[in-house]
Amino acid sequence: TLPRTELPPVHRRIVFDWELDDRE
């Protein structure tokens, strides 16, 4: 049985830094 993982019942804005590394 999978745990319940619904989105929280609020609107959210998530700010993040990102970094990508691939073969090209």
mmCIF file of all heavy atoms, coordinates in Angstrom:
data_MODEL
# 
_entry.id   MODEL 
# 
loop_
_atom_site.group_PDB 
_atom_site.id 
_atom_site.type_symbol 
_atom_site.label_atom_id 
_atom_site.label_alt_id 
_atom_site.label_comp_id 
_atom_site.label_asym_id 
_atom_site.label_entity_id 
_atom_site.label_seq_id 
_atom_site.pdbx_PDB_ins_code 
_atom_site.Cartn_x 
_atom_site.Cartn_y 
_atom_site.Cartn_z 
_atom_site.occupancy 
_atom_site.B_iso_or_equiv 
_atom_site.pdbx_formal_charge 
_atom_site.auth_seq_id 
_atom_site.auth_comp_id 
_atom_site.auth_asym_id 
_atom_site.auth_atom_id 
_atom_site.pdbx_PDB_model_num 
ATOM 1   N N   . THR A 1 1  ? 0.854  -1.187 0.000   1.00 0.00 ? 1  THR A N   1 
ATOM 2   C CA  . THR A 1 1  ? 0.000  0.000  0.000   1.00 0.00 ? 1  THR A CA  1 
ATOM 3   C C   . THR A 1 1  ? 0.888  1.234  0.000   1.00 0.00 ? 1  THR A C   1 
ATOM 4   O O   . THR A 1 1  ? 1.752  1.391  0.869   1.00 0.00 ? 1  THR A O   1 
ATOM 5   C CB  . THR A 1 1  ? -0.909 0.020  1.233   1.00 0.00 ? 1  THR A CB  1 
ATOM 6   O OG1 . THR A 1 1  ? -1.698 -1.175 1.251   1.00 0.00 ? 1  THR A OG1 1 
ATOM 7   C CG2 . THR A 1 1  ? -1.830 1.227  1.200   1.00 0.00 ? 1  THR A CG2 1 
ATOM 8   N N   . LEU A 1 2  ? 0.685  2.120  -0.970  1.00 0.00 ? 2  LEU A N   1 
ATOM 9   C CA  . LEU A 1 2  ? 1.514  3.310  -1.058  1.00 0.00 ? 2  LEU A CA  1 
ATOM 10  C C   . LEU A 1 2  ? 1.046  4.357  -0.055  1.00 0.00 ? 2  LEU A C   1 
ATOM 11  O O   . LEU A 1 2  ? -0.150 4.583  0.109   1.00 0.00 ? 2  LEU A O   1 
ATOM 12  C CB  . LEU A 1 2  ? 1.450  3.900  -2.464  1.00 0.00 ? 2  LEU A CB  1 
ATOM 13  C CG  . LEU A 1 2  ? 1.924  3.022  -3.623  1.00 0.00 ? 2  LEU A CG  1 
ATOM 14  C CD1 . LEU A 1 2  ? 1.834  3.797  -4.935  1.00 0.00 ? 2  LEU A CD1 1 
ATOM 15  C CD2 . LEU A 1 2  ? 3.334  2.529  -3.399  1.00 0.00 ? 2  LEU A CD2 1 
ATOM 16  N N   . PRO A 1 3  ? 1.967  5.033  0.626   1.00 0.00 ? 3  PRO A N   1 
ATOM 17  C CA  . PRO A 1 3  ? 1.574  6.168  1.471   1.00 0.00 ? 3  PRO A CA  1 
ATOM 18  C C   . PRO A 1 3  ? 0.896  7.247  0.638   1.00 0.00 ? 3  PRO A C   1 
ATOM 19  O O   . PRO A 1 3  ? 1.135  7.378  -0.563  1.00 0.00 ? 3  PRO A O   1 
ATOM 20  C CB  . PRO A 1 3  ? 2.916  6.663  2.034   1.00 0.00 ? 3  PRO A CB  1 
ATOM 21  C CG  . PRO A 1 3  ? 3.835  5.475  1.946   1.00 0.00 ? 3  PRO A CG  1 
ATOM 22  C CD  . PRO A 1 3  ? 3.405  4.744  0.703   1.00 0.00 ? 3  PRO A CD  1 
ATOM 23  N N   . ARG A 1 4  ? 0.066  8.039  1.268   1.00 0.00 ? 4  ARG A N   1 
ATOM 24  C CA  . ARG A 1 4  ? -0.622 9.135  0.587   1.00 0.00 ? 4  ARG A CA  1 
ATOM 25  C C   . ARG A 1 4  ? 0.362  10.290 0.408   1.00 0.00 ? 4  ARG A C   1 
ATOM 26  O O   . ARG A 1 4  ? 1.010  10.727 1.368   1.00 0.00 ? 4  ARG A O   1 
ATOM 27  C CB  . ARG A 1 4  ? -1.836 9.577  1.395   1.00 0.00 ? 4  ARG A CB  1 
ATOM 28  C CG  . ARG A 1 4  ? -2.877 8.465  1.557   1.00 0.00 ? 4  ARG A CG  1 
ATOM 29  C CD  . ARG A 1 4  ? -4.017 8.920  2.454   1.00 0.00 ? 4  ARG A CD  1 
ATOM 30  N NE  . ARG A 1 4  ? -4.770 10.004 1.845   1.00 0.00 ? 4  ARG A NE  1 
ATOM 31  C CZ  . ARG A 1 4  ? -5.810 9.824  1.027   1.00 0.00 ? 4  ARG A CZ  1 
ATOM 32  N NH1 . ARG A 1 4  ? -6.197 8.605  0.695   1.00 0.00 ? 4  ARG A NH1 1 
ATOM 33  N NH2 . ARG A 1 4  ? -6.460 10.854 0.527   1.00 0.00 ? 4  ARG A NH2 1 
ATOM 34  N N   . THR A 1 5  ? 0.473  10.769 -0.806  1.00 0.00 ? 5  THR A N   1 
ATOM 35  C CA  . THR A 1 5  ? 1.445  11.830 -1.100  1.00 0.00 ? 5  THR A CA  1 
ATOM 36  C C   . THR A 1 5  ? 0.799  12.970 -1.883  1.00 0.00 ? 5  THR A C   1 
ATOM 37  O O   . THR A 1 5  ? 1.441  13.592 -2.725  1.00 0.00 ? 5  THR A O   1 
ATOM 38  C CB  . THR A 1 5  ? 2.636  11.275 -1.899  1.00 0.00 ? 5  THR A CB  1 
ATOM 39  O OG1 . THR A 1 5  ? 2.149  10.703 -3.129  1.00 0.00 ? 5  THR A OG1 1 
ATOM 40  C CG2 . THR A 1 5  ? 3.402  10.230 -1.112  1.00 0.00 ? 5  THR A CG2 1 
ATOM 41  N N   . GLU A 1 6  ? -0.449 13.263 -1.603  1.00 0.00 ? 6  GLU A N   1 
ATOM 42  C CA  . GLU A 1 6  ? -1.126 14.359 -2.311  1.00 0.00 ? 6  GLU A CA  1 
ATOM 43  C C   . GLU A 1 6  ? -0.408 15.690 -2.036  1.00 0.00 ? 6  GLU A C   1 
ATOM 44  O O   . GLU A 1 6  ? 0.255  15.873 -1.007  1.00 0.00 ? 6  GLU A O   1 
ATOM 45  C CB  . GLU A 1 6  ? -2.587 14.479 -1.873  1.00 0.00 ? 6  GLU A CB  1 
ATOM 46  C CG  . GLU A 1 6  ? -3.485 13.355 -2.342  1.00 0.00 ? 6  GLU A CG  1 
ATOM 47  C CD  . GLU A 1 6  ? -3.514 12.209 -1.357  1.00 0.00 ? 6  GLU A CD  1 
ATOM 48  O OE1 . GLU A 1 6  ? -2.690 12.226 -0.411  1.00 0.00 ? 6  GLU A OE1 1 
ATOM 49  O OE2 . GLU A 1 6  ? -4.346 11.307 -1.520  1.00 0.00 ? 6  GLU A OE2 1 
ATOM 50  N N   . LEU A 1 7  ? -0.550 16.617 -2.980  1.00 0.00 ? 7  LEU A N   1 
ATOM 51  C CA  . LEU A 1 7  ? -0.009 17.947 -2.764  1.00 0.00 ? 7  LEU A CA  1 
ATOM 52  C C   . LEU A 1 7  ? -0.716 18.605 -1.582  1.00 0.00 ? 7  LEU A C   1 
ATOM 53  O O   . LEU A 1 7  ? -1.917 18.391 -1.373  1.00 0.00 ? 7  LEU A O   1 
ATOM 54  C CB  . LEU A 1 7  ? -0.198 18.809 -4.009  1.00 0.00 ? 7  LEU A CB  1 
ATOM 55  C CG  . LEU A 1 7  ? 0.540  18.369 -5.282  1.00 0.00 ? 7  LEU A CG  1 
ATOM 56  C CD1 . LEU A 1 7  ? 0.171  19.298 -6.432  1.00 0.00 ? 7  LEU A CD1 1 
ATOM 57  C CD2 . LEU A 1 7  ? 2.046  18.355 -5.076  1.00 0.00 ? 7  LEU A CD2 1 
ATOM 58  N N   . PRO A 1 8  ? -0.017 19.422 -0.800  1.00 0.00 ? 8  PRO A N   1 
ATOM 59  C CA  . PRO A 1 8  ? -0.681 20.165 0.272   1.00 0.00 ? 8  PRO A CA  1 
ATOM 60  C C   . PRO A 1 8  ? -1.823 21.012 -0.300  1.00 0.00 ? 8  PRO A C   1 
ATOM 61  O O   . PRO A 1 8  ? -1.733 21.496 -1.432  1.00 0.00 ? 8  PRO A O   1 
ATOM 62  C CB  . PRO A 1 8  ? 0.440  21.047 0.834   1.00 0.00 ? 8  PRO A CB  1 
ATOM 63  C CG  . PRO A 1 8  ? 1.708  20.347 0.456   1.00 0.00 ? 8  PRO A CG  1 
ATOM 64  C CD  . PRO A 1 8  ? 1.432  19.691 -0.857  1.00 0.00 ? 8  PRO A CD  1 
ATOM 65  N N   . PRO A 1 9  ? -2.895 21.222 0.476   1.00 0.00 ? 9  PRO A N   1 
ATOM 66  C CA  . PRO A 1 9  ? -4.072 21.949 -0.037  1.00 0.00 ? 9  PRO A CA  1 
ATOM 67  C C   . PRO A 1 9  ? -3.880 23.461 -0.051  1.00 0.00 ? 9  PRO A C   1 
ATOM 68  O O   . PRO A 1 9  ? -4.779 24.223 0.317   1.00 0.00 ? 9  PRO A O   1 
ATOM 69  C CB  . PRO A 1 9  ? -5.170 21.535 0.943   1.00 0.00 ? 9  PRO A CB  1 
ATOM 70  C CG  . PRO A 1 9  ? -4.441 21.298 2.226   1.00 0.00 ? 9  PRO A CG  1 
ATOM 71  C CD  . PRO A 1 9  ? -3.106 20.707 1.839   1.00 0.00 ? 9  PRO A CD  1 
ATOM 72  N N   . VAL A 1 10 ? -2.710 23.902 -0.476  1.00 0.00 ? 10 VAL A N   1 
ATOM 73  C CA  . VAL A 1 10 ? -2.406 25.331 -0.584  1.00 0.00 ? 10 VAL A CA  1 
ATOM 74  C C   . VAL A 1 10 ? -1.608 25.560 -1.856  1.00 0.00 ? 10 VAL A C   1 
ATOM 75  O O   . VAL A 1 10 ? -0.961 24.636 -2.377  1.00 0.00 ? 10 VAL A O   1 
ATOM 76  C CB  . VAL A 1 10 ? -1.591 25.841 0.629   1.00 0.00 ? 10 VAL A CB  1 
ATOM 77  C CG1 . VAL A 1 10 ? -2.410 25.766 1.907   1.00 0.00 ? 10 VAL A CG1 1 
ATOM 78  C CG2 . VAL A 1 10 ? -0.290 25.064 0.778   1.00 0.00 ? 10 VAL A CG2 1 
ATOM 79  N N   . HIS A 1 11 ? -1.654 26.770 -2.378  1.00 0.00 ? 11 HIS A N   1 
ATOM 80  C CA  . HIS A 1 11 ? -0.816 27.132 -3.513  1.00 0.00 ? 11 HIS A CA  1 
ATOM 81  C C   . HIS A 1 11 ? 0.562  27.517 -2.989  1.00 0.00 ? 11 HIS A C   1 
ATOM 82  O O   . HIS A 1 11 ? 0.680  28.251 -1.996  1.00 0.00 ? 11 HIS A O   1 
ATOM 83  C CB  . HIS A 1 11 ? -1.445 28.289 -4.289  1.00 0.00 ? 11 HIS A CB  1 
ATOM 84  C CG  . HIS A 1 11 ? -2.682 27.897 -5.047  1.00 0.00 ? 11 HIS A CG  1 
ATOM 85  N ND1 . HIS A 1 11 ? -3.864 27.555 -4.420  1.00 0.00 ? 11 HIS A ND1 1 
ATOM 86  C CD2 . HIS A 1 11 ? -2.914 27.788 -6.380  1.00 0.00 ? 11 HIS A CD2 1 
ATOM 87  C CE1 . HIS A 1 11 ? -4.768 27.249 -5.335  1.00 0.00 ? 11 HIS A CE1 1 
ATOM 88  N NE2 . HIS A 1 11 ? -4.232 27.385 -6.528  1.00 0.00 ? 11 HIS A NE2 1 
ATOM 89  N N   . ARG A 1 12 ? 1.597  27.018 -3.673  1.00 0.00 ? 12 ARG A N   1 
ATOM 90  C CA  . ARG A 1 12 ? 2.958  27.261 -3.197  1.00 0.00 ? 12 ARG A CA  1 
ATOM 91  C C   . ARG A 1 12 ? 3.841  27.794 -4.322  1.00 0.00 ? 12 ARG A C   1 
ATOM 92  O O   . ARG A 1 12 ? 3.668  27.442 -5.493  1.00 0.00 ? 12 ARG A O   1 
ATOM 93  C CB  . ARG A 1 12 ? 3.587  25.967 -2.660  1.00 0.00 ? 12 ARG A CB  1 
ATOM 94  C CG  . ARG A 1 12 ? 2.972  25.436 -1.390  1.00 0.00 ? 12 ARG A CG  1 
ATOM 95  C CD  . ARG A 1 12 ? 3.615  24.138 -0.979  1.00 0.00 ? 12 ARG A CD  1 
ATOM 96  N NE  . ARG A 1 12 ? 3.386  23.094 -1.971  1.00 0.00 ? 12 ARG A NE  1 
ATOM 97  C CZ  . ARG A 1 12 ? 4.163  22.026 -2.140  1.00 0.00 ? 12 ARG A CZ  1 
ATOM 98  N NH1 . ARG A 1 12 ? 5.243  21.875 -1.396  1.00 0.00 ? 12 ARG A NH1 1 
ATOM 99  N NH2 . ARG A 1 12 ? 3.869  21.124 -3.056  1.00 0.00 ? 12 ARG A NH2 1 
ATOM 100 N N   . ARG A 1 13 ? 4.770  28.621 -3.920  1.00 0.00 ? 13 ARG A N   1 
ATOM 101 C CA  . ARG A 1 13 ? 5.809  29.133 -4.813  1.00 0.00 ? 13 ARG A CA  1 
ATOM 102 C C   . ARG A 1 13 ? 7.141  28.677 -4.243  1.00 0.00 ? 13 ARG A C   1 
ATOM 103 O O   . ARG A 1 13 ? 7.487  29.024 -3.106  1.00 0.00 ? 13 ARG A O   1 
ATOM 104 C CB  . ARG A 1 13 ? 5.723  30.653 -4.895  1.00 0.00 ? 13 ARG A CB  1 
ATOM 105 C CG  . ARG A 1 13 ? 6.697  31.307 -5.868  1.00 0.00 ? 13 ARG A CG  1 
ATOM 106 C CD  . ARG A 1 13 ? 6.406  32.799 -5.939  1.00 0.00 ? 13 ARG A CD  1 
ATOM 107 N NE  . ARG A 1 13 ? 7.273  33.485 -6.887  1.00 0.00 ? 13 ARG A NE  1 
ATOM 108 C CZ  . ARG A 1 13 ? 8.446  34.025 -6.555  1.00 0.00 ? 13 ARG A CZ  1 
ATOM 109 N NH1 . ARG A 1 13 ? 8.873  33.966 -5.292  1.00 0.00 ? 13 ARG A NH1 1 
ATOM 110 N NH2 . ARG A 1 13 ? 9.186  34.624 -7.466  1.00 0.00 ? 13 ARG A NH2 1 
ATOM 111 N N   . ILE A 1 14 ? 7.871  27.897 -5.019  1.00 0.00 ? 14 ILE A N   1 
ATOM 112 C CA  . ILE A 1 14 ? 9.126  27.304 -4.566  1.00 0.00 ? 14 ILE A CA  1 
ATOM 113 C C   . ILE A 1 14 ? 10.262 27.914 -5.377  1.00 0.00 ? 14 ILE A C   1 
ATOM 114 O O   . ILE A 1 14 ? 10.309 27.769 -6.607  1.00 0.00 ? 14 ILE A O   1 
ATOM 115 C CB  . ILE A 1 14 ? 9.115  25.770 -4.738  1.00 0.00 ? 14 ILE A CB  1 
ATOM 116 C CG1 . ILE A 1 14 ? 7.912  25.160 -3.993  1.00 0.00 ? 14 ILE A CG1 1 
ATOM 117 C CG2 . ILE A 1 14 ? 10.418 25.165 -4.238  1.00 0.00 ? 14 ILE A CG2 1 
ATOM 118 C CD1 . ILE A 1 14 ? 7.697  23.681 -4.294  1.00 0.00 ? 14 ILE A CD1 1 
ATOM 119 N N   . VAL A 1 15 ? 11.175 28.590 -4.711  1.00 0.00 ? 15 VAL A N   1 
ATOM 120 C CA  . VAL A 1 15 ? 12.310 29.240 -5.366  1.00 0.00 ? 15 VAL A CA  1 
ATOM 121 C C   . VAL A 1 15 ? 13.550 28.381 -5.142  1.00 0.00 ? 15 VAL A C   1 
ATOM 122 O O   . VAL A 1 15 ? 13.819 27.947 -4.016  1.00 0.00 ? 15 VAL A O   1 
ATOM 123 C CB  . VAL A 1 15 ? 12.524 30.657 -4.810  1.00 0.00 ? 15 VAL A CB  1 
ATOM 124 C CG1 . VAL A 1 15 ? 13.705 31.337 -5.499  1.00 0.00 ? 15 VAL A CG1 1 
ATOM 125 C CG2 . VAL A 1 15 ? 11.251 31.490 -4.984  1.00 0.00 ? 15 VAL A CG2 1 
ATOM 126 N N   . PHE A 1 16 ? 14.313 28.149 -6.226  1.00 0.00 ? 16 PHE A N   1 
ATOM 127 C CA  . PHE A 1 16 ? 15.453 27.235 -6.118  1.00 0.00 ? 16 PHE A CA  1 
ATOM 128 C C   . PHE A 1 16 ? 16.591 27.683 -7.019  1.00 0.00 ? 16 PHE A C   1 
ATOM 129 O O   . PHE A 1 16 ? 16.413 28.432 -7.984  1.00 0.00 ? 16 PHE A O   1 
ATOM 130 C CB  . PHE A 1 16 ? 15.037 25.808 -6.490  1.00 0.00 ? 16 PHE A CB  1 
ATOM 131 C CG  . PHE A 1 16 ? 14.397 25.672 -7.849  1.00 0.00 ? 16 PHE A CG  1 
ATOM 132 C CD1 . PHE A 1 16 ? 15.161 25.492 -8.995  1.00 0.00 ? 16 PHE A CD1 1 
ATOM 133 C CD2 . PHE A 1 16 ? 13.015 25.727 -7.988  1.00 0.00 ? 16 PHE A CD2 1 
ATOM 134 C CE1 . PHE A 1 16 ? 14.577 25.369 -10.245 1.00 0.00 ? 16 PHE A CE1 1 
ATOM 135 C CE2 . PHE A 1 16 ? 12.412 25.603 -9.233  1.00 0.00 ? 16 PHE A CE2 1 
ATOM 136 C CZ  . PHE A 1 16 ? 13.196 25.423 -10.364 1.00 0.00 ? 16 PHE A CZ  1 
ATOM 137 N N   . ASP A 1 17 ? 17.789 27.217 -6.698  1.00 0.00 ? 17 ASP A N   1 
ATOM 138 C CA  . ASP A 1 17 ? 18.927 27.257 -7.611  1.00 0.00 ? 17 ASP A CA  1 
ATOM 139 C C   . ASP A 1 17 ? 19.001 25.917 -8.324  1.00 0.00 ? 17 ASP A C   1 
ATOM 140 O O   . ASP A 1 17 ? 18.623 24.878 -7.757  1.00 0.00 ? 17 ASP A O   1 
ATOM 141 C CB  . ASP A 1 17 ? 20.239 27.495 -6.850  1.00 0.00 ? 17 ASP A CB  1 
ATOM 142 C CG  . ASP A 1 17 ? 20.348 28.897 -6.283  1.00 0.00 ? 17 ASP A CG  1 
ATOM 143 O OD1 . ASP A 1 17 ? 19.752 29.825 -6.855  1.00 0.00 ? 17 ASP A OD1 1 
ATOM 144 O OD2 . ASP A 1 17 ? 21.035 29.063 -5.258  1.00 0.00 ? 17 ASP A OD2 1 
ATOM 145 N N   . TRP A 1 18 ? 19.490 25.907 -9.559  1.00 0.00 ? 18 TRP A N   1 
ATOM 146 C CA  . TRP A 1 18 ? 19.651 24.648 -10.282 1.00 0.00 ? 18 TRP A CA  1 
ATOM 147 C C   . TRP A 1 18 ? 21.032 24.579 -10.907 1.00 0.00 ? 18 TRP A C   1 
ATOM 148 O O   . TRP A 1 18 ? 21.659 25.587 -11.218 1.00 0.00 ? 18 TRP A O   1 
ATOM 149 C CB  . TRP A 1 18 ? 18.565 24.460 -11.349 1.00 0.00 ? 18 TRP A CB  1 
ATOM 150 C CG  . TRP A 1 18 ? 18.561 25.492 -12.447 1.00 0.00 ? 18 TRP A CG  1 
ATOM 151 C CD1 . TRP A 1 18 ? 17.846 26.650 -12.481 1.00 0.00 ? 18 TRP A CD1 1 
ATOM 152 C CD2 . TRP A 1 18 ? 19.321 25.460 -13.675 1.00 0.00 ? 18 TRP A CD2 1 
ATOM 153 N NE1 . TRP A 1 18 ? 18.099 27.343 -13.640 1.00 0.00 ? 18 TRP A NE1 1 
ATOM 154 C CE2 . TRP A 1 18 ? 19.002 26.633 -14.392 1.00 0.00 ? 18 TRP A CE2 1 
ATOM 155 C CE3 . TRP A 1 18 ? 20.218 24.547 -14.214 1.00 0.00 ? 18 TRP A CE3 1 
ATOM 156 C CZ2 . TRP A 1 18 ? 19.556 26.921 -15.635 1.00 0.00 ? 18 TRP A CZ2 1 
ATOM 157 C CZ3 . TRP A 1 18 ? 20.780 24.835 -15.457 1.00 0.00 ? 18 TRP A CZ3 1 
ATOM 158 C CH2 . TRP A 1 18 ? 20.446 26.003 -16.161 1.00 0.00 ? 18 TRP A CH2 1 
ATOM 159 N N   . GLU A 1 19 ? 21.493 23.346 -11.076 1.00 0.00 ? 19 GLU A N   1 
ATOM 160 C CA  . GLU A 1 19 ? 22.781 23.101 -11.739 1.00 0.00 ? 19 GLU A CA  1 
ATOM 161 C C   . GLU A 1 19 ? 22.670 21.833 -12.561 1.00 0.00 ? 19 GLU A C   1 
ATOM 162 O O   . GLU A 1 19 ? 22.225 20.794 -12.063 1.00 0.00 ? 19 GLU A O   1 
ATOM 163 C CB  . GLU A 1 19 ? 23.899 22.974 -10.710 1.00 0.00 ? 19 GLU A CB  1 
ATOM 164 C CG  . GLU A 1 19 ? 25.279 22.840 -11.333 1.00 0.00 ? 19 GLU A CG  1 
ATOM 165 C CD  . GLU A 1 19 ? 26.406 23.022 -10.334 1.00 0.00 ? 19 GLU A CD  1 
ATOM 166 O OE1 . GLU A 1 19 ? 26.126 23.295 -9.149  1.00 0.00 ? 19 GLU A OE1 1 
ATOM 167 O OE2 . GLU A 1 19 ? 27.579 22.885 -10.748 1.00 0.00 ? 19 GLU A OE2 1 
ATOM 168 N N   . LEU A 1 20 ? 23.046 21.923 -13.823 1.00 0.00 ? 20 LEU A N   1 
ATOM 169 C CA  . LEU A 1 20 ? 22.936 20.817 -14.777 1.00 0.00 ? 20 LEU A CA  1 
ATOM 170 C C   . LEU A 1 20 ? 24.315 20.402 -15.246 1.00 0.00 ? 20 LEU A C   1 
ATOM 171 O O   . LEU A 1 20 ? 25.172 21.244 -15.522 1.00 0.00 ? 20 LEU A O   1 
ATOM 172 C CB  . LEU A 1 20 ? 22.100 21.251 -15.989 1.00 0.00 ? 20 LEU A CB  1 
ATOM 173 C CG  . LEU A 1 20 ? 22.069 20.295 -17.191 1.00 0.00 ? 20 LEU A CG  1 
ATOM 174 C CD1 . LEU A 1 20 ? 21.233 19.063 -16.868 1.00 0.00 ? 20 LEU A CD1 1 
ATOM 175 C CD2 . LEU A 1 20 ? 21.529 21.000 -18.429 1.00 0.00 ? 20 LEU A CD2 1 
ATOM 176 N N   . ASP A 1 21 ? 24.513 19.091 -15.368 1.00 0.00 ? 21 ASP A N   1 
ATOM 177 C CA  . ASP A 1 21 ? 25.752 18.564 -15.929 1.00 0.00 ? 21 ASP A CA  1 
ATOM 178 C C   . ASP A 1 21 ? 25.405 17.324 -16.739 1.00 0.00 ? 21 ASP A C   1 
ATOM 179 O O   . ASP A 1 21 ? 24.827 16.369 -16.206 1.00 0.00 ? 21 ASP A O   1 
ATOM 180 C CB  . ASP A 1 21 ? 26.746 18.211 -14.813 1.00 0.00 ? 21 ASP A CB  1 
ATOM 181 C CG  . ASP A 1 21 ? 28.108 17.805 -15.361 1.00 0.00 ? 21 ASP A CG  1 
ATOM 182 O OD1 . ASP A 1 21 ? 28.445 18.212 -16.482 1.00 0.00 ? 21 ASP A OD1 1 
ATOM 183 O OD2 . ASP A 1 21 ? 28.834 17.068 -14.668 1.00 0.00 ? 21 ASP A OD2 1 
ATOM 184 N N   . ASP A 1 22 ? 25.688 17.342 -18.037 1.00 0.00 ? 22 ASP A N   1 
ATOM 185 C CA  . ASP A 1 22 ? 25.508 16.142 -18.838 1.00 0.00 ? 22 ASP A CA  1 
ATOM 186 C C   . ASP A 1 22 ? 26.649 16.034 -19.839 1.00 0.00 ? 22 ASP A C   1 
ATOM 187 O O   . ASP A 1 22 ? 27.621 16.781 -19.781 1.00 0.00 ? 22 ASP A O   1 
ATOM 188 C CB  . ASP A 1 22 ? 24.117 16.089 -19.493 1.00 0.00 ? 22 ASP A CB  1 
ATOM 189 C CG  . ASP A 1 22 ? 23.960 17.015 -20.686 1.00 0.00 ? 22 ASP A CG  1 
ATOM 190 O OD1 . ASP A 1 22 ? 24.934 17.679 -21.083 1.00 0.00 ? 22 ASP A OD1 1 
ATOM 191 O OD2 . ASP A 1 22 ? 22.837 17.074 -21.230 1.00 0.00 ? 22 ASP A OD2 1 
ATOM 192 N N   . ARG A 1 23 ? 26.536 15.082 -20.795 1.00 0.00 ? 23 ARG A N   1 
ATOM 193 C CA  . ARG A 1 23 ? 27.674 14.770 -21.653 1.00 0.00 ? 23 ARG A CA  1 
ATOM 194 C C   . ARG A 1 23 ? 27.937 15.854 -22.698 1.00 0.00 ? 23 ARG A C   1 
ATOM 195 O O   . ARG A 1 23 ? 28.978 15.849 -23.340 1.00 0.00 ? 23 ARG A O   1 
ATOM 196 C CB  . ARG A 1 23 ? 27.455 13.432 -22.358 1.00 0.00 ? 23 ARG A CB  1 
ATOM 197 C CG  . ARG A 1 23 ? 26.259 13.406 -23.305 1.00 0.00 ? 23 ARG A CG  1 
ATOM 198 C CD  . ARG A 1 23 ? 26.187 12.096 -24.063 1.00 0.00 ? 23 ARG A CD  1 
ATOM 199 N NE  . ARG A 1 23 ? 25.130 12.118 -25.052 1.00 0.00 ? 23 ARG A NE  1 
ATOM 200 C CZ  . ARG A 1 23 ? 23.956 11.507 -24.915 1.00 0.00 ? 23 ARG A CZ  1 
ATOM 201 N NH1 . ARG A 1 23 ? 23.694 10.847 -23.808 1.00 0.00 ? 23 ARG A NH1 1 
ATOM 202 N NH2 . ARG A 1 23 ? 23.055 11.563 -25.864 1.00 0.00 ? 23 ARG A NH2 1 
ATOM 203 N N   . GLU A 1 24 ? 26.988 16.790 -22.893 1.00 0.00 ? 24 GLU A N   1 
ATOM 204 C CA  . GLU A 1 24 ? 27.147 17.809 -23.921 1.00 0.00 ? 24 GLU A CA  1 
ATOM 205 C C   . GLU A 1 24 ? 27.306 19.219 -23.376 1.00 0.00 ? 24 GLU A C   1 
ATOM 206 O O   . GLU A 1 24 ? 27.946 20.057 -24.011 1.00 0.00 ? 24 GLU A O   1 
ATOM 207 C CB  . GLU A 1 24 ? 25.954 17.773 -24.886 1.00 0.00 ? 24 GLU A CB  1 
ATOM 208 C CG  . GLU A 1 24 ? 25.886 16.492 -25.703 1.00 0.00 ? 24 GLU A CG  1 
ATOM 209 C CD  . GLU A 1 24 ? 24.737 16.511 -26.683 1.00 0.00 ? 24 GLU A CD  1 
ATOM 210 O OE1 . GLU A 1 24 ? 23.904 17.437 -26.601 1.00 0.00 ? 24 GLU A OE1 1 
ATOM 211 O OE2 . GLU A 1 24 ? 24.667 15.605 -27.522 1.00 0.00 ? 24 GLU A OE2 1 
# 
